[in-house]
Amino acid sequence: MTIVKKIEKGAIILAPMAGITDSAFRRLCISEGADIVYSEMISLQALYYNDKKTKMLMKHYKEEMPFVLQVFGENADIAEKVVREQINNCEDIDAIDINMGCPAPKIVKNGSGSALMKEPKKALKLIEKIVKVSKYPVSVKLRLGWDDSILTAREISLGAQELGVKWIAVHGRTREQYYSGKANWNSLKALNEELSIPFIANGDIFTPEDAKRAIDYIGTKSLMIGRGAQGNPWIFNQIKDYLLSGEYKKIEPKIKLNMSRKHINLLSNELGDKIAIREMRKHLSWYFKGLYMAAEMRNTVNRLDSKEEVLKLLDNYEQLLGERLDK
C-alpha cells in the first residue's frame, strides 16, 4: 500500500518534533502502532551547503517505514536544487513534507517554518518548485496562520492542492499561540470539508478519547500526534483499540520503566552513552509523569551522567513501586 493510500484509509501518525522524534523514538512509536513517522526538520539550506550534522538527521532504519522526510526553508530555488540533486537520490523515503508550521524563533527569523504563513505567494512558490522536481509524493504541514489577523491556512492549502500536494496536515493554532490555549477544531473541520485531498488534523490529541472526538467532529480519517506521544508511545495502539472497541489498555508503571530502558539502549547505540543520557532526561521526565515521586525522580535523573547510574536508578525505583503495591 502506498503512503498516500494509507493516509486516505486513515492513519495515526507521529508528528515531527525537533529534538524529540529522532530515530530511537520513531522506532518505539512504530513498534507501538504509529502508522507513519516523520523525520526531525531538515534544513534545505544546510543540505545545499552539505552540512554533515543535517545529513545525519536524515538517517533512519527500515523498521521506521513509512518514512516522511520533513524539510524546511524559504528559498524556492535552493529547495528545487536540493530536492532534485540530493533528496531524489534517497531510496528509502516515502514522501517529502514541507514544514510551514514550526513556531521556533530561530526558524521563523530566517523566513522559514510558520513565517511562511505571512507570505502565501512565497509559500506556494516553494511548494510549486518542490512538487515540480520531486520523484516522491509531497505534503505540507501548516498552522492556521501567523496570528488571528493573518489566517492563511485556507489559501495555502487550496493553492497547494492545486499544485499537486498529496495531503495536508494542519495544527489548529496560529504561530502567535505557540501551544497555548486550545486548538481550533472548528477551523480544522472547515478545512477538511473544503479540501479534496486527504487532511490530517493535529493539535490537542492527548488521549484515545480526544482522538475519537477529533475524528467524529473534524471528519478527518487521519490524525497526527505530537505532544500526546511524549513519554507515551503507546498512544497509537491505544487510539486504534479505542476506535475499534471503545476500550484500551492502561499502561502500568512497570511497562513505562521497561520502555524507558529500551529507549535508553536505543539512544545509546546511536549516540553513545554520554549524549544518550543527556538526551534521555526530557524523555524520562515524560515517562515519570503521573507516577509516584515523579518530581523527585526527574530531579535525580537530571543530576546523573552515566547510563549505569540511570539504569540503577530505574531498577531501584521499580523495586520501590513494587514494595508500595505489596503493602
Protein backbone atom coordinates (compact mmCIF):
# COMPACT_ATOMS: atom_id res chain seq x y z
CA MET A 1 0.00 0.00 0.00
CA THR A 2 1.39 3.41 -0.95
CA ILE A 3 1.72 6.04 1.74
CA VAL A 4 -0.98 8.14 0.06
CA LYS A 5 -3.44 5.22 0.13
CA LYS A 6 -2.55 4.63 3.78
CA ILE A 7 -3.48 8.20 4.65
CA GLU A 8 -6.64 8.06 2.56
CA LYS A 9 -7.78 4.99 4.52
CA GLY A 10 -6.87 6.58 7.86
CA ALA A 11 -3.58 6.71 9.74
CA ILE A 12 -2.39 7.63 13.22
CA ILE A 13 0.85 9.48 12.63
CA LEU A 14 3.76 10.61 14.81
CA ALA A 15 4.22 14.35 14.34
CA PRO A 16 7.72 15.67 13.69
CA MET A 17 9.19 17.35 16.79
CA ALA A 18 12.69 18.83 16.70
CA GLY A 19 14.99 17.29 19.28
CA ILE A 20 12.42 14.63 20.20
CA THR A 21 11.38 12.46 17.27
CA ASP A 22 14.80 11.05 16.49
CA SER A 23 15.33 7.55 15.11
CA ALA A 24 15.16 5.88 18.52
CA PHE A 25 11.82 7.46 19.43
CA ARG A 26 10.41 6.87 15.96
CA ARG A 27 11.20 3.16 16.24
CA LEU A 28 9.50 2.95 19.61
CA CYS A 29 6.38 4.64 18.25
CA ILE A 30 6.27 2.38 15.18
CA SER A 31 6.54 -0.64 17.48
CA GLU A 32 3.54 0.70 19.42
CA GLY A 33 1.29 1.28 16.44
CA ALA A 34 2.29 4.52 14.71
CA ASP A 35 1.35 4.12 11.04
CA ILE A 36 3.75 6.75 9.67
CA VAL A 37 6.68 8.70 11.14
CA TYR A 38 8.35 11.93 10.04
CA SER A 39 11.98 12.94 10.37
CA GLU A 40 13.01 15.86 12.51
CA MET A 41 13.11 19.06 10.46
CA ILE A 42 15.79 19.02 7.77
CA SER A 43 17.18 22.37 6.63
CA LEU A 44 17.23 22.68 2.84
CA GLN A 45 19.78 25.47 3.19
CA ALA A 46 22.04 23.23 5.28
CA LEU A 47 21.78 20.39 2.75
CA TYR A 48 22.64 22.87 -0.01
CA TYR A 49 25.91 23.56 1.82
CA ASN A 50 26.47 19.84 2.58
CA ASP A 51 26.22 20.19 6.34
CA LYS A 52 27.16 16.83 7.90
CA LYS A 53 25.03 17.19 11.05
CA THR A 54 21.95 17.86 8.95
CA LYS A 55 22.63 14.81 6.81
CA MET A 56 22.87 12.73 9.99
CA LEU A 57 19.31 13.80 10.86
CA MET A 58 18.17 12.02 7.70
CA LYS A 59 19.42 8.65 8.94
CA HIS A 60 16.73 6.06 9.63
CA TYR A 61 16.09 2.32 9.51
CA LYS A 62 13.80 0.05 7.53
CA GLU A 63 11.63 -0.52 10.60
CA GLU A 64 10.78 3.20 10.52
CA MET A 65 8.91 2.90 7.25
CA PRO A 66 6.70 4.50 6.01
CA PHE A 67 9.07 7.42 6.50
CA VAL A 68 8.44 11.05 5.56
CA LEU A 69 11.38 13.42 5.21
CA GLN A 70 10.33 16.80 6.56
CA VAL A 71 12.20 19.79 5.14
CA PHE A 72 12.12 23.50 5.83
CA GLY A 73 13.44 26.58 4.07
CA GLU A 74 12.29 29.72 2.33
CA ASN A 75 14.39 29.86 -0.85
CA ALA A 76 12.48 28.13 -3.64
CA ASP A 77 15.49 27.86 -5.97
CA ILE A 78 17.65 26.22 -3.32
CA ALA A 79 14.78 23.88 -2.45
CA GLU A 80 14.39 22.83 -6.08
CA LYS A 81 18.11 22.13 -6.44
CA VAL A 82 18.40 20.16 -3.19
CA VAL A 83 15.36 18.01 -3.91
CA ARG A 84 16.47 17.30 -7.47
CA GLU A 85 20.14 16.61 -6.73
CA GLN A 86 20.08 15.11 -3.24
CA ILE A 87 16.70 14.02 -1.89
CA ASN A 88 15.61 12.33 -5.11
CA ASN A 89 18.69 10.12 -4.76
CA CYS A 90 17.44 8.74 -1.43
CA GLU A 91 15.93 5.31 -1.97
CA ASP A 92 14.45 4.75 1.49
CA ILE A 93 11.91 7.53 1.99
CA ASP A 94 8.21 7.54 1.13
CA ALA A 95 7.42 11.24 0.84
CA ILE A 96 8.68 14.79 1.36
CA ASP A 97 6.86 17.11 3.74
CA ILE A 98 7.33 20.88 3.70
CA ASN A 99 7.22 22.44 7.15
CA MET A 100 5.35 25.73 7.31
CA GLY A 101 4.23 25.39 10.90
CA CYS A 102 7.29 25.45 13.15
CA PRO A 103 6.97 28.42 15.55
CA ALA A 104 10.57 28.36 16.88
CA PRO A 105 12.17 31.84 16.74
CA LYS A 106 15.42 30.56 15.18
CA ILE A 107 13.40 29.07 12.29
CA VAL A 108 10.98 31.96 11.91
CA LYS A 109 13.63 34.70 11.91
CA ASN A 110 15.07 33.24 8.70
CA GLY A 111 11.68 33.32 6.99
CA SER A 112 11.06 29.58 7.27
CA GLY A 113 8.53 27.50 9.20
CA SER A 114 5.43 29.40 10.24
CA ALA A 115 6.90 32.69 8.95
CA LEU A 116 5.70 31.49 5.55
CA MET A 117 2.11 31.74 6.82
CA LYS A 118 2.59 35.52 6.45
CA GLU A 119 3.56 35.16 2.78
CA PRO A 120 1.19 32.82 0.93
CA LYS A 121 2.61 33.62 -2.51
CA LYS A 122 6.14 32.81 -1.35
CA ALA A 123 4.90 29.66 0.37
CA LEU A 124 3.14 28.47 -2.77
CA LYS A 125 6.20 29.21 -4.92
CA LEU A 126 8.27 26.99 -2.63
CA ILE A 127 5.67 24.22 -2.85
CA GLU A 128 5.47 24.56 -6.65
CA LYS A 129 9.25 24.19 -7.10
CA ILE A 130 9.47 21.13 -4.86
CA VAL A 131 6.44 19.37 -6.36
CA LYS A 132 7.80 20.04 -9.86
CA VAL A 133 11.07 18.15 -9.33
CA SER A 134 10.28 15.64 -6.57
CA LYS A 135 10.03 11.97 -7.50
CA TYR A 136 8.27 11.40 -4.17
CA PRO A 137 4.79 12.48 -3.05
CA VAL A 138 4.89 15.93 -1.45
CA SER A 139 2.83 17.06 1.54
CA VAL A 140 2.65 20.24 3.61
CA LYS A 141 2.31 20.86 7.34
CA LEU A 142 0.81 24.20 8.35
CA ARG A 143 -0.60 26.18 11.23
CA LEU A 144 -3.85 28.12 10.93
CA GLY A 145 -1.91 31.30 10.30
CA TRP A 146 0.57 33.72 11.81
CA ASP A 147 -1.91 35.31 14.24
CA ASP A 148 -5.64 35.96 14.40
CA SER A 149 -5.31 38.73 11.81
CA ILE A 150 -3.32 36.59 9.33
CA LEU A 151 -5.18 33.30 8.93
CA THR A 152 -3.80 31.89 5.68
CA ALA A 153 -4.16 28.11 6.09
CA ARG A 154 -7.14 28.00 3.73
CA GLU A 155 -5.41 30.00 0.98
CA ILE A 156 -2.20 27.99 1.19
CA SER A 157 -4.00 24.64 1.50
CA LEU A 158 -6.21 25.21 -1.55
CA GLY A 159 -3.24 26.52 -3.53
CA ALA A 160 -1.07 23.58 -2.51
CA GLN A 161 -3.83 21.19 -3.54
CA GLU A 162 -3.92 22.77 -7.00
CA LEU A 163 -0.13 22.43 -7.27
CA GLY A 164 -0.28 18.67 -6.71
CA VAL A 165 0.39 18.21 -2.99
CA LYS A 166 -0.91 14.78 -1.92
CA TRP A 167 -2.07 15.59 1.62
CA ILE A 168 -2.07 18.44 4.11
CA ALA A 169 -1.63 18.41 7.89
CA VAL A 170 -2.68 21.41 9.96
CA HIS A 171 -2.04 22.22 13.61
CA GLY A 172 -5.09 24.06 14.92
CA ARG A 173 -3.23 27.04 16.33
CA THR A 174 -1.56 30.18 14.97
CA ARG A 175 2.14 30.83 15.34
CA GLU A 176 1.40 33.55 17.90
CA GLN A 177 -0.29 30.95 20.13
CA TYR A 178 2.63 28.51 20.11
CA TYR A 179 0.98 25.77 22.22
CA SER A 180 -1.17 27.96 24.46
CA GLY A 181 -4.93 28.00 24.59
CA LYS A 182 -6.91 25.37 22.71
CA ALA A 183 -6.53 24.08 19.19
CA ASN A 184 -9.31 25.42 16.96
CA TRP A 185 -11.05 22.27 15.76
CA ASN A 186 -13.77 24.37 14.10
CA SER A 187 -11.20 25.72 11.66
CA LEU A 188 -9.79 22.24 11.08
CA LYS A 189 -13.29 20.94 10.36
CA ALA A 190 -13.88 23.70 7.80
CA LEU A 191 -10.57 22.98 6.05
CA ASN A 192 -11.24 19.26 5.94
CA GLU A 193 -14.65 19.84 4.36
CA GLU A 194 -13.22 22.11 1.65
CA LEU A 195 -10.23 20.03 0.58
CA SER A 196 -10.49 17.07 -1.78
CA ILE A 197 -7.08 15.62 -0.85
CA PRO A 198 -6.52 13.82 2.49
CA PHE A 199 -6.43 16.08 5.54
CA ILE A 200 -4.58 15.31 8.77
CA ALA A 201 -5.72 17.02 11.97
CA ASN A 202 -3.14 17.97 14.60
CA GLY A 203 -3.45 19.64 17.99
CA ASP A 204 -4.71 18.73 21.47
CA ILE A 205 -4.91 14.97 20.93
CA PHE A 206 -3.57 13.58 24.20
CA THR A 207 -5.81 10.57 24.81
CA PRO A 208 -7.73 7.97 22.81
CA GLU A 209 -10.91 9.81 23.79
CA ASP A 210 -9.50 13.02 22.28
CA ALA A 211 -8.70 11.12 19.09
CA LYS A 212 -12.24 9.81 18.71
CA ARG A 213 -13.71 13.25 19.37
CA ALA A 214 -11.38 14.76 16.76
CA ILE A 215 -12.29 12.19 14.11
CA ASP A 216 -16.00 12.49 14.83
CA TYR A 217 -16.06 16.28 14.96
CA ILE A 218 -13.49 17.29 12.34
CA GLY A 219 -14.46 14.48 10.00
CA THR A 220 -10.88 13.53 9.15
CA LYS A 221 -9.70 9.94 8.80
CA SER A 222 -6.10 10.64 9.84
CA LEU A 223 -4.61 12.23 12.94
CA MET A 224 -1.15 13.47 13.85
CA ILE A 225 0.03 13.04 17.44
CA GLY A 226 2.77 15.29 18.80
CA ARG A 227 2.97 16.17 22.48
CA GLY A 228 0.49 13.38 23.25
CA ALA A 229 3.21 10.86 22.35
CA GLN A 230 5.87 12.33 24.63
CA GLY A 231 6.62 9.66 27.23
CA ASN A 232 3.64 7.82 25.79
CA PRO A 233 4.47 5.85 22.61
CA TRP A 234 1.58 3.50 23.47
CA ILE A 235 -0.96 6.13 22.46
CA PHE A 236 -1.05 4.90 18.85
CA ASN A 237 -2.24 1.38 19.69
CA GLN A 238 -4.49 2.77 22.41
CA ILE A 239 -6.22 5.02 19.87
CA LYS A 240 -6.67 2.15 17.43
CA ASP A 241 -8.08 -0.11 20.14
CA TYR A 242 -10.46 2.59 21.34
CA LEU A 243 -11.71 3.35 17.84
CA LEU A 244 -12.38 -0.36 17.25
CA SER A 245 -13.81 -1.44 20.59
CA GLY A 246 -14.35 1.59 22.81
CA GLU A 247 -11.70 0.22 25.20
CA TYR A 248 -7.93 0.35 25.57
CA LYS A 249 -5.30 -0.96 27.94
CA LYS A 250 -3.93 1.35 30.62
CA ILE A 251 -0.14 1.44 30.90
CA GLU A 252 1.26 0.12 34.17
CA PRO A 253 4.34 1.74 35.78
CA LYS A 254 6.47 -1.37 35.11
CA ILE A 255 5.75 -1.12 31.38
CA LYS A 256 6.75 2.54 31.42
CA LEU A 257 10.04 1.70 33.12
CA ASN A 258 10.77 -1.11 30.68
CA MET A 259 10.12 1.25 27.78
CA SER A 260 12.46 3.79 29.40
CA ARG A 261 15.23 1.18 29.49
CA LYS A 262 14.62 0.23 25.87
CA HIS A 263 14.68 3.89 24.89
CA ILE A 264 17.98 4.43 26.70
CA ASN A 265 19.59 1.46 24.96
CA LEU A 266 18.41 2.54 21.52
CA LEU A 267 19.74 6.06 22.05
CA SER A 268 22.98 4.76 23.49
CA ASN A 269 23.57 2.59 20.43
CA GLU A 270 23.04 5.61 18.20
CA LEU A 271 24.76 8.40 20.12
CA GLY A 272 26.98 6.82 22.75
CA ASP A 273 26.20 6.68 26.47
CA LYS A 274 27.09 10.26 27.42
CA ILE A 275 25.00 12.04 24.81
CA ALA A 276 22.20 9.47 25.13
CA ILE A 277 21.76 10.14 28.86
CA ARG A 278 21.66 13.88 28.25
CA GLU A 279 19.01 13.40 25.56
CA MET A 280 17.04 10.98 27.75
CA ARG A 281 16.48 13.45 30.57
CA LYS A 282 13.48 15.07 28.91
CA HIS A 283 12.06 11.71 27.84
CA LEU A 284 12.40 10.26 31.34
CA SER A 285 10.61 13.25 32.82
CA TRP A 286 7.70 12.44 30.50
CA TYR A 287 7.77 8.71 31.31
CA PHE A 288 7.66 9.56 35.03
CA LYS A 289 4.66 11.87 34.64
CA GLY A 290 1.80 10.76 36.88
CA LEU A 291 3.90 8.20 38.73
CA TYR A 292 4.75 8.15 42.45
CA MET A 293 7.57 10.58 43.36
CA ALA A 294 7.74 11.83 39.75
CA ALA A 295 9.25 15.21 40.70
CA GLU A 296 11.96 13.60 42.83
CA MET A 297 12.80 11.18 40.04
CA ARG A 298 13.08 13.98 37.49
CA ASN A 299 15.38 15.96 39.76
CA THR A 300 17.59 12.94 40.41
CA VAL A 301 17.86 11.97 36.73
CA ASN A 302 18.94 15.48 35.82
CA ARG A 303 21.97 15.09 38.09
CA LEU A 304 23.12 11.74 36.65
CA ASP A 305 25.62 11.48 33.81
CA SER A 306 26.13 7.77 33.17
CA LYS A 307 23.95 5.08 31.67
CA GLU A 308 24.77 2.72 34.54
CA GLU A 309 23.60 5.25 37.15
CA VAL A 310 20.31 5.86 35.33
CA LEU A 311 19.58 2.16 34.84
CA LYS A 312 20.34 1.50 38.51
CA LEU A 313 18.00 4.33 39.49
CA LEU A 314 15.23 2.79 37.38
CA ASP A 315 15.82 -0.62 39.00
CA ASN A 316 15.66 0.87 42.49
CA TYR A 317 12.58 2.87 41.60
CA GLU A 318 10.82 -0.21 40.23
CA GLN A 319 11.60 -2.06 43.47
CA LEU A 320 10.20 0.84 45.48
CA LEU A 321 6.98 0.83 43.43
CA GLY A 322 6.67 -2.93 43.94
CA GLU A 323 7.06 -2.57 47.70
CA ARG A 324 4.35 0.08 47.79
CA LEU A 325 1.94 -2.20 45.93
CA ASP A 326 2.69 -5.08 48.30
CA LYS A 327 1.65 -3.05 51.35
